Amino acid sequence: MGALPLHRVSDYLQYLPITWREEGGIFVPLLPDEVVWLGFAGTTERPNAVRISLEDINAVTGKLSRPGFHSHMQDYLVCPPKLHWDGVRRGGTVEPFAAPILTRETGIFKTLRVTVYEAFPGISFQEREVPARGIPVPVQAASHGPASREFCAVIPDPYGAETWDENSGTTVCVHIVEPALYESVTGKVAPPPVSRKDVFTRYRLP
């Protein structure tokens, strides 16, 4: 199915970089030829705004991350309807979360930060019907391959930027590790790559 095993940093503190101890979060293995994307679960009765950053870059816009919600160049996702994101925007395309994007010049993987926001109290979504699209599985990986524009597109916020409470944000750090380190830390072998086409077919994506 392509779902990657998730491990809490707090369970392996003695084996992981010191900086991770302060950030916490989870870590996942990634093979050299794989791409990874993030999936989100949510309900139309209680949707969330989601901001994704790769280090200090907003993955949705490809520009420096900044506080607040901005509708003129939407720099966040609303889940649902959007249930996944798989790269960093560069120009008119989204470059997948693969080794060239995720790796620093030193060879160390960068950290993905996913921040989830609640709506302001008193806002009701019960009478709004917004169809969801995407893969609601936390972290997926598949063989490298092109994704359609529809898969990478930002769905406009159907509720408005003023809906979301900036102070409600909860951030989870997603750390990427190479297979050798993953095996030495967990004692488990990283799962084999899965065909991107097979995963897309399973979830009826273009």
Protein backbone atom coordinates (compact mmCIF):
# COMPACT_ATOMS: atom_id res chain seq x y z
CA MET A 1 0.00 0.00 0.00
CA GLY A 2 3.00 2.31 0.27
CA ALA A 3 2.44 3.41 3.86
CA LEU A 4 5.74 4.00 5.65
CA PRO A 5 6.32 2.78 9.23
CA LEU A 6 6.19 5.68 11.69
CA HIS A 7 8.36 5.72 14.79
CA ARG A 8 8.33 8.24 17.63
CA VAL A 9 11.64 9.98 18.22
CA SER A 10 11.01 9.72 21.97
CA ASP A 11 11.22 5.91 21.76
CA TYR A 12 14.78 5.96 20.33
CA LEU A 13 16.39 9.04 21.89
CA GLN A 14 19.75 7.39 22.60
CA TYR A 15 20.24 6.44 18.94
CA LEU A 16 19.17 9.63 17.18
CA PRO A 17 20.70 13.11 16.70
CA ILE A 18 20.60 15.38 19.74
CA THR A 19 18.67 18.07 17.86
CA TRP A 20 15.85 15.61 17.28
CA ARG A 21 15.43 15.19 21.03
CA GLU A 22 14.40 18.81 21.33
CA GLU A 23 12.12 18.76 18.27
CA GLY A 24 10.52 15.38 18.92
CA GLY A 25 8.13 14.13 16.28
CA ILE A 26 8.45 10.98 14.20
CA PHE A 27 10.95 9.44 11.81
CA VAL A 28 10.47 7.31 8.71
CA PRO A 29 12.80 5.45 6.33
CA LEU A 30 13.19 6.45 2.70
CA LEU A 31 14.92 4.50 -0.06
CA PRO A 32 17.13 6.38 -2.58
CA ASP A 33 14.70 5.96 -5.51
CA GLU A 34 11.54 6.75 -3.58
CA VAL A 35 9.42 9.84 -3.21
CA VAL A 36 7.34 10.51 -0.14
CA TRP A 37 4.08 12.34 0.37
CA LEU A 38 2.01 13.28 3.37
CA GLY A 39 -1.59 12.22 3.84
CA PHE A 40 -4.16 13.78 6.16
CA ALA A 41 -7.39 12.53 7.68
CA GLY A 42 -10.24 14.82 8.61
CA THR A 43 -13.97 15.31 8.54
CA THR A 44 -16.13 17.95 6.90
CA GLU A 45 -17.67 18.61 10.32
CA ARG A 46 -14.27 19.63 11.70
CA PRO A 47 -11.75 20.48 8.98
CA ASN A 48 -8.27 21.83 9.68
CA ALA A 49 -5.82 24.19 8.07
CA VAL A 50 -2.40 22.62 7.50
CA ARG A 51 0.92 24.36 6.88
CA ILE A 52 3.85 22.27 5.58
CA SER A 53 7.44 23.49 5.75
CA LEU A 54 10.72 21.99 4.63
CA GLU A 55 13.18 23.71 6.96
CA ASP A 56 12.26 27.40 6.48
CA ILE A 57 10.51 26.99 3.10
CA ASN A 58 6.75 26.77 2.80
CA ALA A 59 6.18 23.66 0.67
CA VAL A 60 2.89 24.92 -0.76
CA THR A 61 4.28 28.20 -2.15
CA GLY A 62 8.01 27.46 -2.38
CA LYS A 63 8.70 30.71 -0.55
CA LEU A 64 9.96 31.49 2.95
CA SER A 65 7.50 30.44 5.64
CA ARG A 66 5.70 33.29 7.37
CA PRO A 67 3.03 33.54 10.06
CA GLY A 68 -0.62 34.05 9.27
CA PHE A 69 -2.93 32.71 6.58
CA HIS A 70 -2.75 34.36 3.19
CA SER A 71 -5.45 33.94 0.55
CA HIS A 72 -3.95 35.97 -2.31
CA MET A 73 -1.25 33.29 -2.62
CA GLN A 74 -2.67 30.49 -0.52
CA ASP A 75 0.17 29.13 1.60
CA TYR A 76 -1.69 26.38 3.45
CA LEU A 77 -4.01 23.46 2.80
CA VAL A 78 -7.50 22.82 4.11
CA CYS A 79 -8.15 19.19 5.05
CA PRO A 80 -10.63 18.18 3.85
CA PRO A 81 -10.99 18.80 0.94
CA LYS A 82 -7.22 18.40 0.35
CA LEU A 83 -5.93 15.18 1.90
CA HIS A 84 -2.33 15.00 0.72
CA TRP A 85 0.76 16.95 -0.33
CA ASP A 86 3.86 15.53 -1.98
CA GLY A 87 6.58 18.12 -2.60
CA VAL A 88 7.86 21.70 -2.72
CA ARG A 89 6.50 24.16 -5.25
CA ARG A 90 9.05 25.58 -7.65
CA GLY A 91 7.65 27.85 -10.29
CA GLY A 92 4.55 26.29 -11.79
CA THR A 93 5.26 22.74 -10.66
CA VAL A 94 5.68 20.78 -7.45
CA GLU A 95 8.96 18.89 -7.11
CA PRO A 96 8.36 15.65 -5.20
CA PHE A 97 9.77 15.00 -1.74
CA ALA A 98 12.70 12.94 -3.07
CA ALA A 99 16.38 12.80 -2.10
CA PRO A 100 17.46 15.89 -4.15
CA ILE A 101 14.83 18.05 -2.43
CA LEU A 102 15.09 16.52 1.04
CA THR A 103 18.89 16.44 1.38
CA ARG A 104 21.19 19.25 2.50
CA GLU A 105 24.59 19.82 0.88
CA THR A 106 26.11 17.98 3.84
CA GLY A 107 24.15 14.87 2.90
CA ILE A 108 21.89 15.08 5.94
CA PHE A 109 18.14 14.96 5.39
CA LYS A 110 16.11 18.10 6.03
CA THR A 111 13.16 18.06 8.42
CA LEU A 112 9.54 18.37 7.35
CA ARG A 113 7.31 20.28 9.73
CA VAL A 114 3.56 19.84 9.58
CA THR A 115 1.47 22.31 11.59
CA VAL A 116 -2.26 21.72 12.03
CA TYR A 117 -4.64 24.54 12.96
CA GLU A 118 -8.18 24.61 14.32
CA ALA A 119 -10.96 26.97 13.34
CA PHE A 120 -11.88 29.79 15.69
CA PRO A 121 -14.45 28.76 18.31
CA GLY A 122 -18.07 29.13 17.26
CA ILE A 123 -17.57 28.44 13.56
CA SER A 124 -19.87 25.69 12.26
CA PHE A 125 -19.16 23.52 9.22
CA GLN A 126 -22.15 21.20 9.52
CA GLU A 127 -24.14 22.71 6.64
CA ARG A 128 -21.24 22.82 4.18
CA GLU A 129 -20.61 19.96 1.78
CA VAL A 130 -17.00 19.87 0.58
CA PRO A 131 -15.89 16.68 -1.24
CA ALA A 132 -12.49 15.36 -0.16
CA ARG A 133 -9.74 14.28 -2.55
CA GLY A 134 -6.47 12.54 -1.77
CA ILE A 135 -4.74 9.81 0.21
CA PRO A 136 -5.62 9.94 3.93
CA VAL A 137 -2.62 7.86 5.08
CA PRO A 138 -0.05 9.71 7.24
CA VAL A 139 3.20 9.10 5.31
CA GLN A 140 3.37 7.25 2.00
CA ALA A 141 6.26 6.40 -0.30
CA ALA A 142 6.44 5.10 -3.85
CA SER A 143 8.82 4.78 -6.76
CA HIS A 144 9.74 8.08 -8.38
CA GLY A 145 7.45 9.18 -11.17
CA PRO A 146 5.54 12.21 -12.43
CA ALA A 147 2.33 13.26 -10.74
CA SER A 148 -0.53 14.95 -12.51
CA ARG A 149 -1.23 18.65 -12.06
CA GLU A 150 -4.50 17.76 -10.35
CA PHE A 151 -2.68 15.66 -7.75
CA CYS A 152 -0.34 18.57 -6.91
CA ALA A 153 -2.90 21.37 -7.09
CA VAL A 154 -3.84 23.49 -4.09
CA ILE A 155 -7.59 23.42 -3.54
CA PRO A 156 -8.77 26.94 -2.71
CA ASP A 157 -9.84 27.40 0.92
CA PRO A 158 -13.64 26.98 0.80
CA TYR A 159 -14.05 28.65 4.21
CA GLY A 160 -11.75 31.68 4.02
CA ALA A 161 -8.41 32.51 5.63
CA GLU A 162 -10.14 34.31 8.49
CA THR A 163 -11.58 30.95 9.66
CA TRP A 164 -8.34 29.64 11.13
CA ASP A 165 -6.80 30.38 14.53
CA GLU A 166 -3.04 30.95 14.20
CA ASN A 167 -2.56 30.38 17.93
CA SER A 168 -4.08 26.89 17.80
CA GLY A 169 -1.24 25.37 15.77
CA THR A 170 0.28 22.01 16.73
CA THR A 171 3.49 21.04 14.93
CA VAL A 172 4.83 17.55 14.21
CA CYS A 173 8.37 17.13 12.85
CA VAL A 174 8.83 14.39 10.27
CA HIS A 175 12.46 13.25 10.14
CA ILE A 176 13.70 11.22 7.17
CA VAL A 177 16.39 8.57 7.65
CA GLU A 178 18.30 6.43 5.19
CA PRO A 179 17.65 2.67 5.28
CA ALA A 180 20.97 1.76 6.95
CA LEU A 181 20.39 4.13 9.87
CA TYR A 182 16.78 3.06 10.13
CA GLU A 183 17.79 -0.59 10.43
CA SER A 184 20.52 0.11 12.99
CA VAL A 185 18.16 2.18 15.14
CA THR A 186 15.00 0.06 14.97
CA GLY A 187 16.37 -3.39 14.10
CA LYS A 188 13.87 -3.50 11.22
CA VAL A 189 14.36 -3.46 7.46
CA ALA A 190 12.86 -0.56 5.50
CA PRO A 191 9.90 -1.70 3.37
CA PRO A 192 10.55 -2.22 -0.36
CA PRO A 193 9.46 0.45 -2.86
CA VAL A 194 5.91 0.42 -4.16
CA SER A 195 4.84 1.46 -7.64
CA ARG A 196 3.45 5.00 -7.63
CA LYS A 197 0.93 3.92 -10.27
CA ASP A 198 -0.33 1.10 -8.06
CA VAL A 199 -0.85 3.46 -5.10
CA PHE A 200 -2.65 6.02 -7.26
CA THR A 201 -4.88 3.31 -8.72
CA ARG A 202 -5.79 2.07 -5.25
CA TYR A 203 -6.98 5.51 -4.21
CA ARG A 204 -8.52 6.33 -7.62
CA LEU A 205 -6.22 9.27 -8.24
CA PRO A 206 -5.17 10.57 -11.68
